[in-house]
C-alpha atoms as a PDB file:
ATOM      1  CA  UNK A   1      73.456  54.420  94.989  1.00  0.00           C
ATOM      2  CA  UNK A   2      72.174  57.984  95.572  1.00  0.00           C
ATOM      3  CA  UNK A   3      73.792  59.040  92.268  1.00  0.00           C
ATOM      4  CA  UNK A   4      72.098  56.213  90.386  1.00  0.00           C
ATOM      5  CA  UNK A   5      68.793  57.523  91.492  1.00  0.00           C
ATOM      6  CA  UNK A   6      69.708  60.858  89.994  1.00  0.00           C
ATOM      7  CA  UNK A   7      70.403  59.520  86.493  1.00  0.00           C
ATOM      8  CA  UNK A   8      66.727  59.353  85.466  1.00  0.00           C
ATOM      9  CA  UNK A   9      66.370  62.991  86.461  1.00  0.00           C
ATOM     10  CA  UNK A  10      69.394  63.864  84.420  1.00  0.00           C
ATOM     11  CA  UNK A  11      67.902  62.091  81.392  1.00  0.00           C
ATOM     12  CA  UNK A  12      64.578  63.862  81.957  1.00  0.00           C
ATOM     13  CA  UNK A  13      66.212  67.301  82.159  1.00  0.00           C
ATOM     14  CA  UNK A  14      68.288  66.590  79.058  1.00  0.00           C
ATOM     15  CA  UNK A  15      65.255  65.558  77.076  1.00  0.00           C
ATOM     16  CA  UNK A  16      63.436  68.706  78.087  1.00  0.00           C
ATOM     17  CA  UNK A  17      66.361  70.823  76.868  1.00  0.00           C
ATOM     18  CA  UNK A  18      66.463  69.005  73.476  1.00  0.00           C
ATOM     19  CA  UNK A  19      62.664  69.044  73.099  1.00  0.00           C
ATOM     20  CA  UNK A  20      62.808  72.780  73.065  1.00  0.00           C
ATOM     21  CA  UNK A  21      64.465  72.731  69.683  1.00  0.00           C
ATOM     22  CA  UNK A  22      62.278  70.180  67.744  1.00  0.00           C
ATOM     23  CA  UNK A  23      63.940  70.974  64.473  1.00  0.00           C
ATOM     24  CA  UNK A  24      67.145  69.493  65.873  1.00  0.00           C
ATOM     25  CA  UNK A  25      65.431  66.071  65.974  1.00  0.00           C
ATOM     26  CA  UNK A  26      64.844  66.047  62.172  1.00  0.00           C
ATOM     27  CA  UNK A  27      68.247  67.449  61.429  1.00  0.00           C
ATOM     28  CA  UNK A  28      69.815  64.811  63.612  1.00  0.00           C
ATOM     29  CA  UNK A  29      67.923  62.059  61.789  1.00  0.00           C
ATOM     30  CA  UNK A  30      68.934  63.377  58.429  1.00  0.00           C
ATOM     31  CA  UNK A  31      72.587  63.615  59.574  1.00  0.00           C
ATOM     32  CA  UNK A  32      72.446  60.024  60.992  1.00  0.00           C
ATOM     33  CA  UNK A  33      71.094  58.591  57.767  1.00  0.00           C
ATOM     34  CA  UNK A  34      73.619  60.561  55.666  1.00  0.00           C
ATOM     35  CA  UNK A  35      76.509  59.343  57.904  1.00  0.00           C
ATOM     36  CA  UNK A  36      75.246  55.712  57.533  1.00  0.00           C
ATOM     37  CA  UNK A  37      74.857  56.017  53.742  1.00  0.00           C
ATOM     38  CA  UNK A  38      78.240  57.479  53.229  1.00  0.00           C
ATOM     39  CA  UNK A  39      79.927  54.856  55.436  1.00  0.00           C
ATOM     40  CA  UNK A  40      78.166  51.914  53.696  1.00  0.00           C
ATOM     41  CA  UNK A  41      78.723  53.265  50.189  1.00  0.00           C
ATOM     42  CA  UNK A  42      82.369  53.957  50.880  1.00  0.00           C
ATOM     43  CA  UNK A  43      82.870  50.402  51.897  1.00  0.00           C
ATOM     44  CA  UNK A  44      80.875  48.997  48.933  1.00  0.00           C
ATOM     45  CA  UNK A  45      82.945  51.120  46.520  1.00  0.00           C
ATOM     46  CA  UNK A  46      86.135  49.891  48.069  1.00  0.00           C
ATOM     47  CA  UNK A  47      85.300  46.251  47.910  1.00  0.00           C
ATOM     48  CA  UNK A  48      83.919  46.580  44.321  1.00  0.00           C
ATOM     49  CA  UNK A  49      87.609  46.732  43.340  1.00  0.00           C
ATOM     50  CA  UNK A  50      88.948  43.953  45.572  1.00  0.00           C
ATOM     51  CA  UNK A  51      87.540  40.958  47.403  1.00  0.00           C
ATOM     52  CA  UNK A  52      89.480  41.153  50.717  1.00  0.00           C
ATOM     53  CA  UNK A  53      91.774  43.562  52.643  1.00  0.00           C
ATOM     54  CA  UNK A  54      94.154  41.709  55.004  1.00  0.00           C
ATOM     55  CA  UNK A  55      91.576  39.024  55.463  1.00  0.00           C
ATOM     56  CA  UNK A  56      88.585  41.411  55.847  1.00  0.00           C
ATOM     57  CA  UNK A  57      85.637  40.734  53.471  1.00  0.00           C
ATOM     58  CA  UNK A  58      82.830  43.078  52.624  1.00  0.00           C
ATOM     59  CA  UNK A  59      80.553  41.539  55.249  1.00  0.00           C
ATOM     60  CA  UNK A  60      83.138  41.613  58.070  1.00  0.00           C
ATOM     61  CA  UNK A  61      84.047  45.248  57.263  1.00  0.00           C
ATOM     62  CA  UNK A  62      80.330  46.176  57.367  1.00  0.00           C
ATOM     63  CA  UNK A  63      80.310  44.478  60.822  1.00  0.00           C
ATOM     64  CA  UNK A  64      83.176  46.745  61.846  1.00  0.00           C
ATOM     65  CA  UNK A  65      81.212  49.728  60.579  1.00  0.00           C
ATOM     66  CA  UNK A  66      78.219  48.529  62.717  1.00  0.00           C
ATOM     67  CA  UNK A  67      80.523  48.460  65.790  1.00  0.00           C
ATOM     68  CA  UNK A  68      81.798  51.918  64.936  1.00  0.00           C
ATOM     69  CA  UNK A  69      78.362  53.284  64.662  1.00  0.00           C
ATOM     70  CA  UNK A  70      77.281  51.643  67.874  1.00  0.00           C
ATOM     71  CA  UNK A  71      80.248  53.077  69.809  1.00  0.00           C
ATOM     72  CA  UNK A  72      79.790  56.499  68.219  1.00  0.00           C
ATOM     73  CA  UNK A  73      76.142  56.450  69.232  1.00  0.00           C
ATOM     74  CA  UNK A  74      76.996  55.531  72.818  1.00  0.00           C
ATOM     75  CA  UNK A  75      79.509  58.345  72.894  1.00  0.00           C
ATOM     76  CA  UNK A  76      76.850  60.828  71.707  1.00  0.00           C
ATOM     77  CA  UNK A  77      74.242  59.377  73.996  1.00  0.00           C
ATOM     78  CA  UNK A  78      75.890  59.773  77.374  1.00  0.00           C
ATOM     79  CA  UNK A  79      79.707  60.038  77.268  1.00  0.00           C
ATOM     80  CA  UNK A  80      80.373  62.988  74.974  1.00  0.00           C
ATOM     81  CA  UNK A  81      77.721  65.502  76.083  1.00  0.00           C
ATOM     82  CA  UNK A  82      79.029  65.882  79.537  1.00  0.00           C
ATOM     83  CA  UNK A  83      82.674  66.412  78.450  1.00  0.00           C
ATOM     84  CA  UNK A  84      81.605  68.735  75.745  1.00  0.00           C
ATOM     85  CA  UNK A  85      79.681  70.821  78.281  1.00  0.00           C
ATOM     86  CA  UNK A  86      82.805  70.886  80.449  1.00  0.00           C
ATOM     87  CA  UNK A  87      85.655  71.447  77.975  1.00  0.00           C
ATOM     88  CA  UNK A  88      84.008  72.322  74.679  1.00  0.00           C
ATOM     89  CA  UNK A  89      83.767  75.745  73.124  1.00  0.00           C
ATOM     90  CA  UNK A  90      82.123  78.052  75.621  1.00  0.00           C
ATOM     91  CA  UNK A  91      82.124  75.091  78.107  1.00  0.00           C
ATOM     92  CA  UNK A  92      81.786  75.302  81.882  1.00  0.00           C
ATOM     93  CA  UNK A  93      85.558  75.757  82.410  1.00  0.00           C
ATOM     94  CA  UNK A  94      85.744  78.725  80.042  1.00  0.00           C
ATOM     95  CA  UNK A  95      82.507  80.325  81.324  1.00  0.00           C
ATOM     96  CA  UNK A  96      83.023  79.769  85.005  1.00  0.00           C
ATOM     97  CA  UNK A  97      80.040  77.580  85.401  1.00  0.00           C
ATOM     98  CA  UNK A  98      82.173  74.810  86.615  1.00  0.00           C
ATOM     99  CA  UNK A  99      82.205  76.495  90.048  1.00  0.00           C
ATOM    100  CA  UNK A 100      78.596  75.351  90.610  1.00  0.00           C
ATOM    101  CA  UNK A 101      79.562  71.752  89.656  1.00  0.00           C
ATOM    102  CA  UNK A 102      82.237  71.713  92.352  1.00  0.00           C
ATOM    103  CA  UNK A 103      79.938  72.866  94.964  1.00  0.00           C
ATOM    104  CA  UNK A 104      77.521  69.953  94.523  1.00  0.00           C
ATOM    105  CA  UNK A 105      77.900  67.137  97.080  1.00  0.00           C
ATOM    106  CA  UNK A 106      78.625  64.412  94.407  1.00  0.00           C
ATOM    107  CA  UNK A 107      81.761  62.909  92.825  1.00  0.00           C
ATOM    108  CA  UNK A 108      82.838  65.532  90.342  1.00  0.00           C
ATOM    109  CA  UNK A 109      84.119  63.087  87.727  1.00  0.00           C
ATOM    110  CA  UNK A 110      80.890  61.022  87.753  1.00  0.00           C
ATOM    111  CA  UNK A 111      78.782  64.139  87.715  1.00  0.00           C
ATOM    112  CA  UNK A 112      80.562  65.627  84.742  1.00  0.00           C
ATOM    113  CA  UNK A 113      80.450  62.300  82.929  1.00  0.00           C
ATOM    114  CA  UNK A 114      76.683  61.580  83.267  1.00  0.00           C
ATOM    115  CA  UNK A 115      74.767  64.743  83.889  1.00  0.00           C
ATOM    116  CA  UNK A 116      74.241  65.392  80.146  1.00  0.00           C
ATOM    117  CA  UNK A 117      72.477  63.032  77.742  1.00  0.00           C
ATOM    118  CA  UNK A 118      71.635  63.288  74.022  1.00  0.00           C
ATOM    119  CA  UNK A 119      68.628  61.018  73.681  1.00  0.00           C
ATOM    120  CA  UNK A 120      68.265  61.578  69.929  1.00  0.00           C
ATOM    121  CA  UNK A 121      71.415  59.370  69.567  1.00  0.00           C
ATOM    122  CA  UNK A 122      69.249  56.378  70.297  1.00  0.00           C
ATOM    123  CA  UNK A 123      68.266  56.468  66.666  1.00  0.00           C
ATOM    124  CA  UNK A 124      71.999  56.223  65.742  1.00  0.00           C
ATOM    125  CA  UNK A 125      72.355  53.306  68.121  1.00  0.00           C
ATOM    126  CA  UNK A 126      69.487  51.479  66.423  1.00  0.00           C
ATOM    127  CA  UNK A 127      71.065  52.108  63.003  1.00  0.00           C
ATOM    128  CA  UNK A 128      74.435  50.710  64.199  1.00  0.00           C
ATOM    129  CA  UNK A 129      72.779  47.536  65.623  1.00  0.00           C
ATOM    130  CA  UNK A 130      70.816  47.105  62.299  1.00  0.00           C
ATOM    131  CA  UNK A 131      74.111  47.359  60.280  1.00  0.00           C
ATOM    132  CA  UNK A 132      75.819  44.858  62.559  1.00  0.00           C
ATOM    133  CA  UNK A 133      73.027  42.293  62.425  1.00  0.00           C
ATOM    134  CA  UNK A 134      72.830  42.599  58.676  1.00  0.00           C
ATOM    135  CA  UNK A 135      76.575  42.096  58.407  1.00  0.00           C
ATOM    136  CA  UNK A 136      76.545  39.106  60.646  1.00  0.00           C
ATOM    137  CA  UNK A 137      73.881  37.470  58.539  1.00  0.00           C
ATOM    138  CA  UNK A 138      75.828  38.204  55.339  1.00  0.00           C
ATOM    139  CA  UNK A 139      78.957  36.599  56.874  1.00  0.00           C
ATOM    140  CA  UNK A 140      76.922  33.365  56.857  1.00  0.00           C
ATOM    141  CA  UNK A 141      78.504  32.165  60.139  1.00  0.00           C
ATOM    142  CA  UNK A 142      76.981  30.608  63.161  1.00  0.00           C
ATOM    143  CA  UNK A 143      78.015  32.545  66.257  1.00  0.00           C
ATOM    144  CA  UNK A 144      78.947  30.461  69.222  1.00  0.00           C
ATOM    145  CA  UNK A 145      78.247  31.429  72.770  1.00  0.00           C
ATOM    146  CA  UNK A 146      81.935  32.064  73.377  1.00  0.00           C
ATOM    147  CA  UNK A 147      82.105  34.437  70.335  1.00  0.00           C
ATOM    148  CA  UNK A 148      79.104  36.471  71.666  1.00  0.00           C
ATOM    149  CA  UNK A 149      80.742  36.700  75.152  1.00  0.00           C
ATOM    150  CA  UNK A 150      84.003  37.768  73.621  1.00  0.00           C
ATOM    151  CA  UNK A 151      82.267  40.308  71.508  1.00  0.00           C
ATOM    152  CA  UNK A 152      80.404  41.764  74.512  1.00  0.00           C
ATOM    153  CA  UNK A 153      83.481  41.973  76.638  1.00  0.00           C
ATOM    154  CA  UNK A 154      85.508  43.492  73.768  1.00  0.00           C
ATOM    155  CA  UNK A 155      82.747  45.975  73.135  1.00  0.00           C
ATOM    156  CA  UNK A 156      82.576  46.962  76.854  1.00  0.00           C
ATOM    157  CA  UNK A 157      86.348  47.430  76.949  1.00  0.00           C
ATOM    158  CA  UNK A 158      86.135  49.532  73.813  1.00  0.00           C
ATOM    159  CA  UNK A 159      83.522  51.821  75.374  1.00  0.00           C
ATOM    160  CA  UNK A 160      85.566  52.063  78.511  1.00  0.00           C
ATOM    161  CA  UNK A 161      88.666  52.974  76.536  1.00  0.00           C
ATOM    162  CA  UNK A 162      86.744  55.642  74.695  1.00  0.00           C
ATOM    163  CA  UNK A 163      85.512  57.090  77.941  1.00  0.00           C
ATOM    164  CA  UNK A 164      89.041  57.060  79.359  1.00  0.00           C
ATOM    165  CA  UNK A 165      90.406  58.876  76.234  1.00  0.00           C
ATOM    166  CA  UNK A 166      87.686  61.556  76.370  1.00  0.00           C
ATOM    167  CA  UNK A 167      88.259  61.917  80.143  1.00  0.00           C
ATOM    168  CA  UNK A 168      91.966  62.336  79.658  1.00  0.00           C
ATOM    169  CA  UNK A 169      91.680  64.908  76.777  1.00  0.00           C
ATOM    170  CA  UNK A 170      89.020  66.840  78.770  1.00  0.00           C
ATOM    171  CA  UNK A 171      91.282  66.892  81.785  1.00  0.00           C
ATOM    172  CA  UNK A 172      94.115  68.381  79.655  1.00  0.00           C
ATOM    173  CA  UNK A 173      91.877  71.455  79.200  1.00  0.00           C
ATOM    174  CA  UNK A 174      92.707  72.439  82.814  1.00  0.00           C
ATOM    175  CA  UNK A 175      96.272  73.001  81.768  1.00  0.00           C
ATOM    176  CA  UNK A 176      95.529  74.503  78.254  1.00  0.00           C
ATOM    177  CA  UNK A 177      92.081  75.958  78.136  1.00  0.00           C
ATOM    178  CA  UNK A 178      92.457  77.316  74.664  1.00  0.00           C
ATOM    179  CA  UNK A 179      93.086  73.895  73.119  1.00  0.00           C
ATOM    180  CA  UNK A 180      90.150  71.613  72.204  1.00  0.00           C
ATOM    181  CA  UNK A 181      91.948  68.313  72.595  1.00  0.00           C
ATOM    182  CA  UNK A 182      88.839  66.244  71.870  1.00  0.00           C
ATOM    183  CA  UNK A 183      88.680  67.705  68.341  1.00  0.00           C
ATOM    184  CA  UNK A 184      92.199  66.150  67.764  1.00  0.00           C
ATOM    185  CA  UNK A 185      90.861  62.825  68.839  1.00  0.00           C
ATOM    186  CA  UNK A 186      87.830  63.097  66.533  1.00  0.00           C
ATOM    187  CA  UNK A 187      90.070  63.041  63.446  1.00  0.00           C
ATOM    188  CA  UNK A 188      91.757  59.869  64.594  1.00  0.00           C
ATOM    189  CA  UNK A 189      88.534  58.269  65.617  1.00  0.00           C
ATOM    190  CA  UNK A 190      87.189  58.564  62.056  1.00  0.00           C
ATOM    191  CA  UNK A 191      89.923  56.013  61.054  1.00  0.00           C
ATOM    192  CA  UNK A 192      88.355  53.390  63.389  1.00  0.00           C
ATOM    193  CA  UNK A 193      85.542  52.711  60.795  1.00  0.00           C
ATOM    194  CA  UNK A 194      88.066  50.791  58.769  1.00  0.00           C
ATOM    195  CA  UNK A 195      90.068  47.598  59.601  1.00  0.00           C
ATOM    196  CA  UNK A 196      93.483  48.424  61.175  1.00  0.00           C
ATOM    197  CA  UNK A 197      95.088  45.942  58.833  1.00  0.00           C
ATOM    198  CA  UNK A 198      94.684  48.337  55.861  1.00  0.00           C
ATOM    199  CA  UNK A 199      96.977  50.943  57.517  1.00  0.00           C
ATOM    200  CA  UNK A 200     100.882  50.925  57.439  1.00  0.00           C
ATOM    201  CA  UNK A 201     102.508  49.081  60.226  1.00  0.00           C
ATOM    202  CA  UNK A 202     103.632  52.224  62.205  1.00  0.00           C
ATOM    203  CA  UNK A 203     100.188  53.744  61.961  1.00  0.00           C
ATOM    204  CA  UNK A 204      98.536  50.576  62.934  1.00  0.00           C
ATOM    205  CA  UNK A 205     100.766  50.471  66.030  1.00  0.00           C
ATOM    206  CA  UNK A 206      99.794  53.997  66.861  1.00  0.00           C
ATOM    207  CA  UNK A 207      96.066  53.318  66.432  1.00  0.00           C
ATOM    208  CA  UNK A 208      96.233  50.237  68.566  1.00  0.00           C
ATOM    209  CA  UNK A 209      98.392  51.167  71.527  1.00  0.00           C
ATOM    210  CA  UNK A 210      99.019  54.869  71.550  1.00  0.00           C
ATOM    211  CA  UNK A 211      95.621  56.286  70.614  1.00  0.00           C
ATOM    212  CA  UNK A 212      93.831  52.973  70.742  1.00  0.00           C
ATOM    213  CA  UNK A 213      90.902  53.517  68.373  1.00  0.00           C
ATOM    214  CA  UNK A 214      91.596  50.090  66.916  1.00  0.00           C
ATOM    215  CA  UNK A 215      90.837  48.455  70.170  1.00  0.00           C
ATOM    216  CA  UNK A 216      87.602  50.282  70.332  1.00  0.00           C
ATOM    217  CA  UNK A 217      86.152  48.903  67.005  1.00  0.00           C
ATOM    218  CA  UNK A 218      88.385  46.378  65.268  1.00  0.00           C
ATOM    219  CA  UNK A 219      88.811  44.108  68.305  1.00  0.00           C
ATOM    220  CA  UNK A 220      84.969  43.651  68.939  1.00  0.00           C
ATOM    221  CA  UNK A 221      84.515  43.021  65.152  1.00  0.00           C
ATOM    222  CA  UNK A 222      87.250  40.336  65.183  1.00  0.00           C
ATOM    223  CA  UNK A 223      85.348  38.617  67.830  1.00  0.00           C
ATOM    224  CA  UNK A 224      82.354  38.180  65.592  1.00  0.00           C
ATOM    225  CA  UNK A 225      84.539  36.916  62.695  1.00  0.00           C
ATOM    226  CA  UNK A 226      86.149  34.347  64.881  1.00  0.00           C
ATOM    227  CA  UNK A 227      89.696  35.721  64.310  1.00  0.00           C
ATOM    228  CA  UNK A 228      90.126  37.140  67.887  1.00  0.00           C
ATOM    229  CA  UNK A 229      92.085  35.330  70.509  1.00  0.00           C
ATOM    230  CA  UNK A 230      90.912  35.448  74.117  1.00  0.00           C
ATOM    231  CA  UNK A 231      94.175  36.871  75.332  1.00  0.00           C
ATOM    232  CA  UNK A 232      93.488  40.026  73.200  1.00  0.00           C
ATOM    233  CA  UNK A 233      90.240  40.579  74.953  1.00  0.00           C
ATOM    234  CA  UNK A 234      91.931  40.217  78.275  1.00  0.00           C
ATOM    235  CA  UNK A 235      94.653  42.645  77.161  1.00  0.00           C
ATOM    236  CA  UNK A 236      92.044  45.192  76.051  1.00  0.00           C
ATOM    237  CA  UNK A 237      90.281  44.966  79.348  1.00  0.00           C
ATOM    238  CA  UNK A 238      93.501  45.504  81.324  1.00  0.00           C
ATOM    239  CA  UNK A 239      94.443  48.317  78.933  1.00  0.00           C
ATOM    240  CA  UNK A 240      90.993  49.927  79.487  1.00  0.00           C
ATOM    241  CA  UNK A 241      91.329  49.883  83.220  1.00  0.00           C
ATOM    242  CA  UNK A 242      94.888  51.224  83.140  1.00  0.00           C
ATOM    243  CA  UNK A 243      93.692  54.079  80.834  1.00  0.00           C
ATOM    244  CA  UNK A 244      90.760  54.742  83.190  1.00  0.00           C
ATOM    245  CA  UNK A 245      93.040  54.961  86.144  1.00  0.00           C
ATOM    246  CA  UNK A 246      95.408  57.377  84.296  1.00  0.00           C
ATOM    247  CA  UNK A 247      92.469  59.453  83.075  1.00  0.00           C
ATOM    248  CA  UNK A 248      90.913  59.735  86.551  1.00  0.00           C
ATOM    249  CA  UNK A 249      94.333  60.724  88.014  1.00  0.00           C
ATOM    250  CA  UNK A 250      94.744  63.498  85.407  1.00  0.00           C
ATOM    251  CA  UNK A 251      91.226  64.728  86.012  1.00  0.00           C
ATOM    252  CA  UNK A 252      91.878  64.966  89.768  1.00  0.00           C
ATOM    253  CA  UNK A 253      95.137  66.734  89.139  1.00  0.00           C
ATOM    254  CA  UNK A 254      93.294  69.132  86.773  1.00  0.00           C
ATOM    255  CA  UNK A 255      90.698  69.950  89.445  1.00  0.00           C
ATOM    256  CA  UNK A 256      93.620  71.055  91.706  1.00  0.00           C
ATOM    257  CA  UNK A 257      94.734  73.478  88.928  1.00  0.00           C
ATOM    258  CA  UNK A 258      91.204  74.892  88.358  1.00  0.00           C
ATOM    259  CA  UNK A 259      91.058  78.593  89.305  1.00  0.00           C
ATOM    260  CA  UNK A 260      87.502  79.651  90.366  1.00  0.00           C
ATOM    261  CA  UNK A 261      85.852  82.236  88.028  1.00  0.00           C
ATOM    262  CA  UNK A 262      85.442  84.334  91.210  1.00  0.00           C
ATOM    263  CA  UNK A 263      89.073  84.146  92.208  1.00  0.00           C
END
């Protein structure tokens, strides 16, 4: 509860840091609009040649893109900034600033995860929600209460899986400080904006169970199209919890390996 009271303060400090560079706001908006335009145009061009891909229509694929944009925005808003500050180029581990984090009387994992926010990403979140709403209207389906609940559960598990992956890859930096593991994940995460069904079987298996970007985006989108079974949502929630436990364990092990900058 004490930490929850600190979150508004973390948000305030993060906003003050970003407000010092106002040009970044306009650059971020331009980048967000460009990212949205390229994503939508790519899907439109793809479906101008065919009507469906493994059961995915233009509208349902746009819904998938909306989920991808929402998850990406949540990552940029409060998940990614903390891990980037920890394990990114010139991050706290490399510079030795992580010493001060360890000295604070708070849970280190929670502190690393939530002490940095990128509030400009709220604009990306609104764009993603707009694409998702527009896609649902174009699907011309009446969503039931059960579909909405399954979607929210699947989206929550997707965000939790994303957090667990970033936590795991950030923890690996304690073993190999010269490797930016999250950059490797970024390349795979780009593939999550398209349906898993369009990839070859072996790659679909990798993107679903090994580096589960498919669970992050495709599963929530399937809940909206009505093609998702409840057992898959349960499996994704269990999988997310397992990954979270593994990521937390690796992070704690990494803390034991950390050598203070003063040592």
